[in-house]
Amino acid sequence: MAIEGGSAGGILIGRAMTARPDLYAVAIPRVGVMNSLRKEKDANNVMSILNCGISTDPIECKALIEMDAYLQLQEGTKYPATLITAGMNDPRVSAWQPGKFAAKLQTYNASDKPTIFWVDHESGHGYGNTASKIIEKFANIYSFAFWQLGHPDYQY
């Protein structure tokens, strides 16, 4: 099974793959919030605080820690094949969020499945993307998923 989601959906994908990595062959968090506890330090912090909470409130801080995929990664765990994306011009989720998660996952992952960090240097959260940029994005995502799921047309 493959799971995929973007932006705040990265919270869901990140926590699903860290809570039960055995359930998924592929995980694709797209421009995802992967370090919820630190999101309030980002440029788009007002919306993040309103939606998810703030670390200075003890109850909200516990919730942020629980939803934080970066903090939930465990060394020596076998994680699924993962394609993590970021946009260098993203006003909502700074590229350091998925980048930090990708680096830790590459270090901690005990499986032989690939962890790929794909950065779009021209885009940011999909704003102003051309039709060809959108097609390129989804072609990369589905090609990765089909490859890792063993589809015969995507093996090399």
C-alpha atoms as a PDB file:
ATOM      1  CA  MET A   1       0.000   0.000   0.000  1.00  0.00           C
ATOM      2  CA  ALA A   2       1.170   3.528  -0.774  1.00  0.00           C
ATOM      3  CA  ILE A   3       0.208   6.614   1.215  1.00  0.00           C
ATOM      4  CA  GLU A   4       0.553  10.182  -0.020  1.00  0.00           C
ATOM      5  CA  GLY A   5      -0.427  13.608   1.248  1.00  0.00           C
ATOM      6  CA  GLY A   6       0.770  17.171   1.188  1.00  0.00           C
ATOM      7  CA  SER A   7       1.191  20.191   3.405  1.00  0.00           C
ATOM      8  CA  ALA A   8      -0.655  19.508   6.682  1.00  0.00           C
ATOM      9  CA  GLY A   9      -1.348  16.078   5.179  1.00  0.00           C
ATOM     10  CA  GLY A  10       2.360  15.497   5.754  1.00  0.00           C
ATOM     11  CA  ILE A  11       1.514  15.274   9.453  1.00  0.00           C
ATOM     12  CA  LEU A  12      -0.787  12.343   8.704  1.00  0.00           C
ATOM     13  CA  ILE A  13       1.618  10.604   6.324  1.00  0.00           C
ATOM     14  CA  GLY A  14       4.589  11.122   8.636  1.00  0.00           C
ATOM     15  CA  ARG A  15       2.785   9.812  11.693  1.00  0.00           C
ATOM     16  CA  ALA A  16       1.243   6.872   9.821  1.00  0.00           C
ATOM     17  CA  MET A  17       4.639   5.737   8.578  1.00  0.00           C
ATOM     18  CA  THR A  18       6.331   6.241  11.958  1.00  0.00           C
ATOM     19  CA  ALA A  19       3.521   4.612  13.968  1.00  0.00           C
ATOM     20  CA  ARG A  20       3.120   1.554  11.716  1.00  0.00           C
ATOM     21  CA  PRO A  21       5.927   1.383   9.157  1.00  0.00           C
ATOM     22  CA  ASP A  22       5.110  -2.283   8.555  1.00  0.00           C
ATOM     23  CA  LEU A  23       1.762  -1.381   6.954  1.00  0.00           C
ATOM     24  CA  TYR A  24       3.142   0.621   4.024  1.00  0.00           C
ATOM     25  CA  ALA A  25       5.363  -0.141   1.053  1.00  0.00           C
ATOM     26  CA  VAL A  26       5.558   3.525   0.042  1.00  0.00           C
ATOM     27  CA  ALA A  27       5.115   6.863   1.841  1.00  0.00           C
ATOM     28  CA  ILE A  28       5.085  10.178  -0.014  1.00  0.00           C
ATOM     29  CA  PRO A  29       4.804  13.299   2.134  1.00  0.00           C
ATOM     30  CA  ARG A  30       4.636  16.230  -0.316  1.00  0.00           C
ATOM     31  CA  VAL A  31       5.853  19.602   1.001  1.00  0.00           C
ATOM     32  CA  GLY A  32       4.758  18.241   4.352  1.00  0.00           C
ATOM     33  CA  VAL A  33       4.826  19.559   7.882  1.00  0.00           C
ATOM     34  CA  MET A  34       7.176  16.969   9.312  1.00  0.00           C
ATOM     35  CA  ASN A  35       8.398  18.744  12.464  1.00  0.00           C
ATOM     36  CA  SER A  36       5.194  20.089  14.030  1.00  0.00           C
ATOM     37  CA  LEU A  37       6.811  21.153  17.282  1.00  0.00           C
ATOM     38  CA  ARG A  38       9.112  23.570  15.439  1.00  0.00           C
ATOM     39  CA  LYS A  39       6.531  24.814  12.891  1.00  0.00           C
ATOM     40  CA  GLU A  40       5.701  27.821  15.069  1.00  0.00           C
ATOM     41  CA  LYS A  41       9.241  29.083  14.379  1.00  0.00           C
ATOM     42  CA  ASP A  42       8.487  29.167  10.646  1.00  0.00           C
ATOM     43  CA  ALA A  43       7.502  32.229   8.611  1.00  0.00           C
ATOM     44  CA  ASN A  44       3.894  31.016   8.346  1.00  0.00           C
ATOM     45  CA  ASN A  45       3.635  30.505  12.088  1.00  0.00           C
ATOM     46  CA  VAL A  46       0.338  32.318  12.770  1.00  0.00           C
ATOM     47  CA  MET A  47      -1.747  29.806  10.809  1.00  0.00           C
ATOM     48  CA  SER A  48       0.243  26.922  12.255  1.00  0.00           C
ATOM     49  CA  ILE A  49      -0.364  28.076  15.822  1.00  0.00           C
ATOM     50  CA  LEU A  50      -4.078  28.574  15.131  1.00  0.00           C
ATOM     51  CA  ASN A  51      -4.407  25.142  13.485  1.00  0.00           C
ATOM     52  CA  CYS A  52      -2.088  23.004  15.607  1.00  0.00           C
ATOM     53  CA  GLY A  53      -1.204  24.810  18.824  1.00  0.00           C
ATOM     54  CA  ILE A  54       1.784  26.435  20.472  1.00  0.00           C
ATOM     55  CA  SER A  55       4.598  24.859  22.444  1.00  0.00           C
ATOM     56  CA  THR A  56       4.321  27.283  25.375  1.00  0.00           C
ATOM     57  CA  ASP A  57       0.932  25.781  26.320  1.00  0.00           C
ATOM     58  CA  PRO A  58       1.608  22.460  28.122  1.00  0.00           C
ATOM     59  CA  ILE A  59      -1.412  20.629  26.666  1.00  0.00           C
ATOM     60  CA  GLU A  60      -0.860  21.912  23.127  1.00  0.00           C
ATOM     61  CA  CYS A  61       2.850  21.132  23.392  1.00  0.00           C
ATOM     62  CA  LYS A  62       2.058  17.473  24.172  1.00  0.00           C
ATOM     63  CA  ALA A  63      -0.196  17.344  21.106  1.00  0.00           C
ATOM     64  CA  LEU A  64       2.518  18.909  18.926  1.00  0.00           C
ATOM     65  CA  ILE A  65       5.061  16.353  20.128  1.00  0.00           C
ATOM     66  CA  GLU A  66       2.662  13.486  19.400  1.00  0.00           C
ATOM     67  CA  MET A  67       1.932  14.710  15.859  1.00  0.00           C
ATOM     68  CA  ASP A  68       5.608  15.437  15.105  1.00  0.00           C
ATOM     69  CA  ALA A  69       6.848  12.794  12.651  1.00  0.00           C
ATOM     70  CA  TYR A  70      10.463  13.954  12.997  1.00  0.00           C
ATOM     71  CA  LEU A  71      10.424  13.307  16.752  1.00  0.00           C
ATOM     72  CA  GLN A  72       8.761   9.910  16.278  1.00  0.00           C
ATOM     73  CA  LEU A  73      11.466   8.437  14.016  1.00  0.00           C
ATOM     74  CA  GLN A  74      13.232   5.563  15.760  1.00  0.00           C
ATOM     75  CA  GLU A  75      16.756   4.448  14.963  1.00  0.00           C
ATOM     76  CA  GLY A  76      16.992   0.911  13.562  1.00  0.00           C
ATOM     77  CA  THR A  77      13.376   0.766  12.356  1.00  0.00           C
ATOM     78  CA  LYS A  78      12.537  -0.520   8.888  1.00  0.00           C
ATOM     79  CA  TYR A  79      10.631   2.299   7.203  1.00  0.00           C
ATOM     80  CA  PRO A  80       8.898   2.142   3.811  1.00  0.00           C
ATOM     81  CA  ALA A  81      10.302   3.549   0.597  1.00  0.00           C
ATOM     82  CA  THR A  82       9.847   7.289   0.982  1.00  0.00           C
ATOM     83  CA  LEU A  83       9.750  10.198  -1.453  1.00  0.00           C
ATOM     84  CA  ILE A  84       9.837  13.475   0.456  1.00  0.00           C
ATOM     85  CA  THR A  85       9.334  16.699  -1.481  1.00  0.00           C
ATOM     86  CA  ALA A  86       9.991  20.362  -0.770  1.00  0.00           C
ATOM     87  CA  GLY A  87       9.733  23.636  -2.627  1.00  0.00           C
ATOM     88  CA  MET A  88      12.456  26.235  -2.136  1.00  0.00           C
ATOM     89  CA  ASN A  89       9.954  29.066  -2.593  1.00  0.00           C
ATOM     90  CA  ASP A  90       7.281  27.588  -0.331  1.00  0.00           C
ATOM     91  CA  PRO A  91       5.571  30.257   1.816  1.00  0.00           C
ATOM     92  CA  ARG A  92       3.670  27.657   3.871  1.00  0.00           C
ATOM     93  CA  VAL A  93       6.140  24.870   4.655  1.00  0.00           C
ATOM     94  CA  SER A  94       9.787  25.873   4.589  1.00  0.00           C
ATOM     95  CA  ALA A  95      12.082  23.413   2.851  1.00  0.00           C
ATOM     96  CA  TRP A  96      13.938  22.748   6.115  1.00  0.00           C
ATOM     97  CA  GLN A  97      10.890  20.883   7.471  1.00  0.00           C
ATOM     98  CA  PRO A  98      10.867  18.006   4.979  1.00  0.00           C
ATOM     99  CA  GLY A  99      14.653  18.255   4.566  1.00  0.00           C
ATOM    100  CA  LYS A 100      15.296  17.722   8.252  1.00  0.00           C
ATOM    101  CA  PHE A 101      12.909  14.754   8.267  1.00  0.00           C
ATOM    102  CA  ALA A 102      14.550  13.222   5.184  1.00  0.00           C
ATOM    103  CA  ALA A 103      18.035  13.494   6.693  1.00  0.00           C
ATOM    104  CA  LYS A 104      17.014  11.819   9.945  1.00  0.00           C
ATOM    105  CA  LEU A 105      15.049   9.121   8.102  1.00  0.00           C
ATOM    106  CA  GLN A 106      18.060   8.341   5.883  1.00  0.00           C
ATOM    107  CA  THR A 107      20.204   7.961   9.007  1.00  0.00           C
ATOM    108  CA  TYR A 108      17.746   5.928  11.113  1.00  0.00           C
ATOM    109  CA  ASN A 109      16.143   3.693   8.463  1.00  0.00           C
ATOM    110  CA  ALA A 110      17.173   0.044   8.781  1.00  0.00           C
ATOM    111  CA  SER A 111      15.435  -1.105   5.590  1.00  0.00           C
ATOM    112  CA  ASP A 112      16.997  -1.283   2.149  1.00  0.00           C
ATOM    113  CA  LYS A 113      14.169   0.856   0.742  1.00  0.00           C
ATOM    114  CA  PRO A 114      15.129   4.225  -0.745  1.00  0.00           C
ATOM    115  CA  THR A 115      14.562   7.529   0.984  1.00  0.00           C
ATOM    116  CA  ILE A 116      14.592  10.288  -1.622  1.00  0.00           C
ATOM    117  CA  PHE A 117      14.461  14.005  -0.894  1.00  0.00           C
ATOM    118  CA  TRP A 118      13.306  15.860  -3.999  1.00  0.00           C
ATOM    119  CA  VAL A 119      13.546  19.660  -3.948  1.00  0.00           C
ATOM    120  CA  ASP A 120      11.848  21.812  -6.561  1.00  0.00           C
ATOM    121  CA  HIS A 121      13.972  24.948  -6.770  1.00  0.00           C
ATOM    122  CA  GLU A 122      11.405  26.838  -8.837  1.00  0.00           C
ATOM    123  CA  SER A 123       8.220  26.070  -6.972  1.00  0.00           C
ATOM    124  CA  GLY A 124       6.650  26.528  -3.610  1.00  0.00           C
ATOM    125  CA  HIS A 125       3.532  24.756  -2.380  1.00  0.00           C
ATOM    126  CA  GLY A 126       2.121  24.663  -5.888  1.00  0.00           C
ATOM    127  CA  TYR A 127       1.401  28.373  -6.229  1.00  0.00           C
ATOM    128  CA  GLY A 128       1.606  29.524  -9.828  1.00  0.00           C
ATOM    129  CA  ASN A 129       2.599  26.116 -11.146  1.00  0.00           C
ATOM    130  CA  THR A 130       2.112  25.594 -14.846  1.00  0.00           C
ATOM    131  CA  ALA A 131       0.226  22.585 -16.142  1.00  0.00           C
ATOM    132  CA  SER A 132       3.521  21.016 -17.211  1.00  0.00           C
ATOM    133  CA  LYS A 133       4.984  21.527 -13.689  1.00  0.00           C
ATOM    134  CA  ILE A 134       1.941  19.815 -12.150  1.00  0.00           C
ATOM    135  CA  ILE A 135       2.224  16.913 -14.609  1.00  0.00           C
ATOM    136  CA  GLU A 136       5.959  16.600 -13.852  1.00  0.00           C
ATOM    137  CA  LYS A 137       5.277  16.518 -10.108  1.00  0.00           C
ATOM    138  CA  PHE A 138       2.671  13.775 -10.307  1.00  0.00           C
ATOM    139  CA  ALA A 139       4.662  11.800 -12.886  1.00  0.00           C
ATOM    140  CA  ASN A 140       7.550  11.682 -10.401  1.00  0.00           C
ATOM    141  CA  ILE A 141       5.267  10.741  -7.517  1.00  0.00           C
ATOM    142  CA  TYR A 142       3.409   7.962  -9.337  1.00  0.00           C
ATOM    143  CA  SER A 143       6.556   6.627 -11.006  1.00  0.00           C
ATOM    144  CA  PHE A 144       8.203   6.298  -7.598  1.00  0.00           C
ATOM    145  CA  ALA A 145       5.134   4.602  -6.121  1.00  0.00           C
ATOM    146  CA  PHE A 146       4.716   2.181  -9.043  1.00  0.00           C
ATOM    147  CA  TRP A 147       8.440   1.362  -8.978  1.00  0.00           C
ATOM    148  CA  GLN A 148       8.394   0.575  -5.266  1.00  0.00           C
ATOM    149  CA  LEU A 149       5.096  -1.324  -5.458  1.00  0.00           C
ATOM    150  CA  GLY A 150       6.620  -3.597  -8.113  1.00  0.00           C
ATOM    151  CA  HIS A 151       4.554  -2.579 -11.124  1.00  0.00           C
ATOM    152  CA  PRO A 152       6.191  -4.405 -14.085  1.00  0.00           C
ATOM    153  CA  ASP A 153       6.233  -1.321 -16.324  1.00  0.00           C
ATOM    154  CA  TYR A 154       8.273   0.626 -13.752  1.00  0.00           C
ATOM    155  CA  GLN A 155      11.095  -1.809 -13.034  1.00  0.00           C
ATOM    156  CA  TYR A 156      14.586  -1.442 -14.449  1.00  0.00           C
END
